[in-house]
């Protein structure tokens, strides 16, 4: 398990730096991942893992995914793996819950190829590798300078994933994972045009919650699949900047016709106490005549 900050630095942070940053309106916290705080007594660990496994079992069923192993065993595996993660992050990226959901989803989907759009520091790439050791992973991000983990077998590119020729992959054994703050409706259309039918999205948000998400990637899956989008545009502000999702957006209508099934996973906070996750699984209608 990753160690604690040096005692002298921690004292300096608490007594000098934190009060200073507080007066300036900032919150100074150690760059420690949320999983560095965890129960250690067997009873509490068991309750956490069993509660998480029960919720994940319901999520996988609702998503139409059938795990071919013991889900509780997978959660236990992840519990032992996550302290060894080579990425330390507290703000931004996935925390314990998001990483656990991704790990279980990848174990269930069993892809031989994973396209990851939005890499950030590399934690999700590591999680994918742990879940699918033999998979071919293609990592796309416009800025790879912040990587803390670079997978030695993965292929990295700063080009948008949609600009790449994917004719050499088999869509039937491929999963695309989007955590790139690009309109999720656009990603649905792009994926379907390339024959992909199994997608995972981070940061999916309904209209009344999107103000709390960084870099709103609207239209989100929740907006696209809303049974009653309403007659008024969805409007919100974030850091003083106004946003709007039009009511009659052609992209929403087009993406909506392509989606066969979708399920937003439970955020797991009530089971684990960790920061809420926002993973959504999307199954698309297959392309007539096969993918391109």
Protein backbone atom coordinates (compact mmCIF):
# COMPACT_ATOMS: atom_id res chain seq x y z
CA UNK A 1 0.00 0.00 0.00
CA UNK A 2 1.25 3.49 -0.83
CA UNK A 3 2.72 5.23 2.16
CA UNK A 4 1.63 8.31 4.03
CA UNK A 5 3.19 11.73 3.36
CA UNK A 6 6.31 12.49 5.43
CA UNK A 7 5.37 13.70 8.92
CA UNK A 8 7.11 17.07 8.56
CA UNK A 9 5.38 17.81 5.25
CA UNK A 10 2.01 16.88 6.69
CA UNK A 11 2.54 19.19 9.67
CA UNK A 12 3.58 21.99 7.31
CA UNK A 13 0.45 21.45 5.24
CA UNK A 14 -1.89 21.49 8.24
CA UNK A 15 -0.36 24.37 10.20
CA UNK A 16 0.92 26.73 7.49
CA UNK A 17 -0.11 25.93 3.92
CA UNK A 18 -3.74 24.89 4.47
CA UNK A 19 -4.67 28.05 6.45
CA UNK A 20 -2.99 30.18 3.80
CA UNK A 21 -4.81 28.47 0.93
CA UNK A 22 -8.06 28.63 2.89
CA UNK A 23 -7.80 32.43 3.11
CA UNK A 24 -7.26 32.52 -0.65
CA UNK A 25 -10.38 30.41 -1.20
CA UNK A 26 -8.64 27.15 -2.08
CA UNK A 27 -8.64 23.71 -0.48
CA UNK A 28 -5.21 22.10 -0.13
CA UNK A 29 -5.37 18.33 0.28
CA UNK A 30 -2.74 15.57 -0.01
CA UNK A 31 -2.50 13.86 -3.40
CA UNK A 32 -3.70 10.59 -1.88
CA UNK A 33 -6.31 8.41 -3.58
CA UNK A 34 -9.53 7.72 -1.69
CA UNK A 35 -8.68 4.02 -1.37
CA UNK A 36 -5.73 4.89 0.88
CA UNK A 37 -8.43 5.19 3.57
CA UNK A 38 -10.01 1.77 4.15
CA UNK A 39 -11.42 -0.46 6.87
CA UNK A 40 -9.04 -3.10 8.18
CA UNK A 41 -11.15 -5.18 10.58
CA UNK A 42 -12.43 -8.35 8.82
CA UNK A 43 -16.10 -7.77 9.66
CA UNK A 44 -16.19 -4.26 8.17
CA UNK A 45 -14.22 -5.30 5.10
CA UNK A 46 -16.66 -8.16 4.52
CA UNK A 47 -19.68 -5.86 4.82
CA UNK A 48 -18.18 -3.38 2.35
CA UNK A 49 -17.27 -6.00 -0.23
CA UNK A 50 -20.52 -7.95 0.01
CA UNK A 51 -22.61 -4.76 -0.17
CA UNK A 52 -20.72 -3.60 -3.26
CA UNK A 53 -20.99 -7.02 -4.91
CA UNK A 54 -24.76 -7.14 -4.33
CA UNK A 55 -25.24 -3.74 -5.98
CA UNK A 56 -22.96 -4.61 -8.88
CA UNK A 57 -24.84 -7.87 -9.43
CA UNK A 58 -28.08 -5.92 -9.85
CA UNK A 59 -26.36 -3.45 -12.18
CA UNK A 60 -24.92 -6.11 -14.43
CA UNK A 61 -28.29 -7.82 -14.67
CA UNK A 62 -30.02 -4.55 -15.55
CA UNK A 63 -27.37 -3.91 -18.21
CA UNK A 64 -27.95 -7.35 -19.71
CA UNK A 65 -24.48 -8.56 -18.76
CA UNK A 66 -23.89 -11.99 -17.26
CA UNK A 67 -20.60 -12.48 -15.39
CA UNK A 68 -19.00 -15.87 -15.99
CA UNK A 69 -17.40 -15.96 -12.54
CA UNK A 70 -18.16 -15.25 -8.90
CA UNK A 71 -18.79 -11.52 -8.64
CA UNK A 72 -17.83 -11.37 -4.97
CA UNK A 73 -14.50 -12.97 -5.85
CA UNK A 74 -13.93 -10.25 -8.44
CA UNK A 75 -14.66 -7.56 -5.88
CA UNK A 76 -12.23 -9.21 -3.44
CA UNK A 77 -9.59 -9.34 -6.17
CA UNK A 78 -10.04 -5.65 -6.84
CA UNK A 79 -9.85 -4.84 -3.12
CA UNK A 80 -6.42 -6.44 -3.01
CA UNK A 81 -5.29 -4.90 -6.32
CA UNK A 82 -6.27 -1.25 -5.92
CA UNK A 83 -3.67 -0.35 -3.23
CA UNK A 84 -0.98 -1.30 -5.76
CA UNK A 85 -2.29 1.14 -8.40
CA UNK A 86 0.58 3.15 -9.89
CA UNK A 87 -1.52 6.32 -10.08
CA UNK A 88 -2.04 8.69 -7.15
CA UNK A 89 -4.95 11.04 -7.69
CA UNK A 90 -7.47 12.71 -5.46
CA UNK A 91 -9.16 15.25 -7.69
CA UNK A 92 -10.32 14.28 -11.17
CA UNK A 93 -10.23 10.83 -12.69
CA UNK A 94 -11.77 7.71 -11.19
CA UNK A 95 -11.81 6.89 -7.50
CA UNK A 96 -12.34 3.53 -5.87
CA UNK A 97 -15.97 3.15 -6.96
CA UNK A 98 -15.41 4.14 -10.58
CA UNK A 99 -12.37 1.90 -10.87
CA UNK A 100 -14.26 -1.02 -9.32
CA UNK A 101 -17.18 -0.61 -11.72
CA UNK A 102 -14.83 -0.48 -14.69
CA UNK A 103 -12.95 -3.56 -13.47
CA UNK A 104 -16.15 -5.59 -13.06
CA UNK A 105 -17.61 -4.35 -16.36
CA UNK A 106 -14.46 -5.35 -18.24
CA UNK A 107 -14.41 -8.77 -16.56
CA UNK A 108 -18.04 -9.25 -17.63
CA UNK A 109 -17.70 -7.93 -21.21
CA UNK A 110 -14.44 -9.85 -21.81
CA UNK A 111 -13.19 -7.68 -24.69
CA UNK A 112 -10.12 -8.66 -26.68
CA UNK A 113 -9.79 -5.04 -27.82
CA UNK A 114 -10.43 -1.89 -25.77
CA UNK A 115 -10.52 1.62 -27.20
CA UNK A 116 -10.06 4.16 -24.43
CA UNK A 117 -10.87 7.78 -25.28
CA UNK A 118 -9.72 9.99 -22.42
CA UNK A 119 -6.74 8.67 -20.48
CA UNK A 120 -5.84 11.44 -17.98
CA UNK A 121 -3.23 10.01 -15.59
CA UNK A 122 -3.61 6.40 -16.71
CA UNK A 123 -5.54 4.83 -13.83
CA UNK A 124 -8.35 3.46 -15.99
CA UNK A 125 -5.83 2.02 -18.45
CA UNK A 126 -4.25 0.15 -15.53
CA UNK A 127 -7.66 -1.08 -14.35
CA UNK A 128 -8.48 -2.34 -17.85
CA UNK A 129 -5.14 -4.13 -18.00
CA UNK A 130 -5.73 -5.77 -14.61
CA UNK A 131 -9.19 -6.94 -15.72
CA UNK A 132 -8.13 -8.05 -19.22
CA UNK A 133 -4.40 -8.87 -19.17
CA UNK A 134 -4.25 -10.03 -22.79
CA UNK A 135 -6.41 -7.33 -24.37
CA UNK A 136 -5.14 -4.93 -27.00
CA UNK A 137 -5.63 -1.44 -25.58
CA UNK A 138 -5.69 1.72 -27.70
CA UNK A 139 -5.37 4.90 -25.63
CA UNK A 140 -6.41 8.25 -27.11
CA UNK A 141 -6.01 11.62 -25.40
CA UNK A 142 -5.04 15.04 -26.81
CA UNK A 143 -2.61 15.55 -23.91
CA UNK A 144 -0.57 12.61 -22.62
CA UNK A 145 1.85 14.73 -20.60
CA UNK A 146 0.14 13.95 -17.27
CA UNK A 147 0.48 10.17 -17.46
CA UNK A 148 1.55 8.49 -14.25
CA UNK A 149 1.04 5.03 -15.74
CA UNK A 150 1.93 4.11 -19.32
CA UNK A 151 0.96 0.59 -20.28
CA UNK A 152 3.89 -1.07 -22.04
CA UNK A 153 1.62 -3.05 -24.40
CA UNK A 154 -0.93 -0.31 -25.15
CA UNK A 155 -0.81 1.97 -28.17
CA UNK A 156 -1.02 5.69 -27.38
CA UNK A 157 -2.14 8.53 -29.62
CA UNK A 158 -3.00 12.21 -29.24
CA UNK A 159 -5.36 11.96 -32.23
CA UNK A 160 -9.09 11.70 -31.64
CA UNK A 161 -10.16 8.07 -31.75
CA UNK A 162 -12.68 8.83 -34.52
CA UNK A 163 -9.89 9.82 -36.94
CA UNK A 164 -8.30 6.34 -36.83
CA UNK A 165 -8.90 3.52 -39.30
CA UNK A 166 -10.43 0.70 -37.22
CA UNK A 167 -11.11 -1.67 -40.12
CA UNK A 168 -8.57 -4.13 -38.71
CA UNK A 169 -10.44 -4.81 -35.47
CA UNK A 170 -13.40 -7.11 -34.84
CA UNK A 171 -16.25 -5.01 -33.39
CA UNK A 172 -17.78 -8.13 -31.79
CA UNK A 173 -14.85 -8.44 -29.36
CA UNK A 174 -14.27 -4.71 -28.86
CA UNK A 175 -15.42 -2.34 -26.12
CA UNK A 176 -15.05 1.44 -26.32
CA UNK A 177 -14.70 3.40 -23.08
CA UNK A 178 -15.35 7.14 -23.23
CA UNK A 179 -14.18 9.49 -20.48
CA UNK A 180 -13.20 12.36 -22.73
CA UNK A 181 -15.70 15.17 -22.08
CA UNK A 182 -16.88 15.07 -25.69
CA UNK A 183 -20.61 15.06 -26.48
CA UNK A 184 -21.78 11.56 -25.65
CA UNK A 185 -24.34 11.67 -28.43
CA UNK A 186 -21.52 12.26 -30.90
CA UNK A 187 -19.58 9.29 -29.53
CA UNK A 188 -22.63 7.04 -29.95
CA UNK A 189 -22.97 8.02 -33.62
CA UNK A 190 -19.24 7.59 -34.26
CA UNK A 191 -19.13 4.19 -32.56
CA UNK A 192 -22.12 2.82 -34.44
CA UNK A 193 -20.68 4.00 -37.76
CA UNK A 194 -17.62 1.85 -37.03
CA UNK A 195 -19.67 -1.22 -36.12
CA UNK A 196 -19.11 -0.96 -32.36
CA UNK A 197 -22.07 -1.96 -30.20
CA UNK A 198 -20.64 -2.17 -26.65
CA UNK A 199 -19.82 1.16 -25.04
CA UNK A 200 -19.00 2.44 -21.55
CA UNK A 201 -19.33 6.09 -20.58
CA UNK A 202 -18.09 7.97 -17.57
CA UNK A 203 -19.73 11.21 -16.38
CA UNK A 204 -23.17 10.47 -17.80
CA UNK A 205 -25.55 12.93 -16.14
CA UNK A 206 -29.22 13.83 -16.28
CA UNK A 207 -30.12 17.44 -17.01
CA UNK A 208 -30.85 18.32 -13.40
CA UNK A 209 -27.43 17.01 -12.27
CA UNK A 210 -25.09 18.01 -15.07
CA UNK A 211 -24.06 21.27 -13.40
CA UNK A 212 -21.98 19.22 -10.93
CA UNK A 213 -19.89 17.52 -13.64
CA UNK A 214 -16.70 18.98 -15.06
CA UNK A 215 -16.65 19.72 -18.77
CA UNK A 216 -20.28 18.73 -19.43
CA UNK A 217 -20.27 16.31 -22.40
CA UNK A 218 -23.79 17.04 -23.55
CA UNK A 219 -25.97 15.65 -24.86
CA UNK A 220 -25.33 12.94 -22.30
CA UNK A 221 -26.70 9.42 -22.54
CA UNK A 222 -29.28 10.31 -19.87
CA UNK A 223 -30.48 13.27 -21.93
CA UNK A 224 -30.67 11.17 -25.08
CA UNK A 225 -32.69 8.40 -23.45
CA UNK A 226 -34.94 10.62 -21.33
CA UNK A 227 -38.57 9.55 -21.91
CA UNK A 228 -39.71 13.17 -21.73
CA UNK A 229 -37.04 15.68 -22.74
CA UNK A 230 -39.51 18.52 -22.20
CA UNK A 231 -40.31 21.53 -24.31
CA UNK A 232 -37.73 23.87 -22.78
CA UNK A 233 -33.95 23.72 -23.37
CA UNK A 234 -31.84 22.43 -20.49
CA UNK A 235 -29.79 25.34 -19.14
CA UNK A 236 -27.16 25.51 -16.42
CA UNK A 237 -24.08 27.42 -15.32
CA UNK A 238 -20.69 26.12 -14.21
CA UNK A 239 -18.06 28.48 -12.81
CA UNK A 240 -20.11 31.35 -14.16
CA UNK A 241 -20.20 30.00 -17.72
CA UNK A 242 -23.64 29.36 -19.24
CA UNK A 243 -24.49 26.11 -21.07
CA UNK A 244 -27.56 25.00 -22.99
CA UNK A 245 -28.79 21.73 -24.43
CA UNK A 246 -31.39 22.45 -27.15
CA UNK A 247 -34.68 20.62 -27.08
CA UNK A 248 -34.84 19.65 -30.76
CA UNK A 249 -31.21 18.58 -31.16
CA UNK A 250 -30.79 16.39 -34.28
CA UNK A 251 -27.86 14.66 -32.58
CA UNK A 252 -30.12 13.57 -29.71
CA UNK A 253 -32.67 12.11 -32.11
CA UNK A 254 -30.03 10.33 -34.20
CA UNK A 255 -28.17 8.87 -31.23
CA UNK A 256 -31.44 7.83 -29.62
CA UNK A 257 -32.36 5.69 -32.63
CA UNK A 258 -29.03 3.87 -32.41
CA UNK A 259 -29.24 2.89 -28.73
CA UNK A 260 -30.73 -0.53 -28.02
CA UNK A 261 -30.15 -0.60 -24.26
CA UNK A 262 -28.57 1.52 -21.58
CA UNK A 263 -28.04 1.30 -17.85
CA UNK A 264 -26.49 3.80 -15.44
CA UNK A 265 -24.69 1.94 -12.65
CA UNK A 266 -25.40 2.73 -9.00
CA UNK A 267 -22.82 5.17 -7.62
CA UNK A 268 -21.82 2.63 -4.87
CA UNK A 269 -21.33 5.38 -2.28
CA UNK A 270 -23.82 3.88 0.17
CA UNK A 271 -21.99 0.54 0.00
CA UNK A 272 -18.38 1.71 0.23
CA UNK A 273 -18.39 5.30 1.50
CA UNK A 274 -16.10 6.34 -1.37
CA UNK A 275 -16.75 9.12 -3.89
CA UNK A 276 -19.71 8.34 -6.16
CA UNK A 277 -19.02 6.78 -9.57
CA UNK A 278 -20.82 7.58 -12.81
CA UNK A 279 -20.42 4.65 -15.20
CA UNK A 280 -23.06 3.91 -17.84
CA UNK A 281 -23.22 0.91 -20.16
CA UNK A 282 -24.68 1.42 -23.62
CA UNK A 283 -25.55 -1.31 -26.14
CA UNK A 284 -26.16 -0.17 -29.70
CA UNK A 285 -28.19 -1.73 -32.47
CA UNK A 286 -25.85 -3.60 -34.82
CA UNK A 287 -25.06 -2.05 -38.16
CA UNK A 288 -27.02 -3.69 -40.96
CA UNK A 289 -24.66 -5.84 -42.97
CA UNK A 290 -21.85 -5.60 -40.41
CA UNK A 291 -19.55 -2.85 -39.24
CA UNK A 292 -17.15 -0.85 -41.34
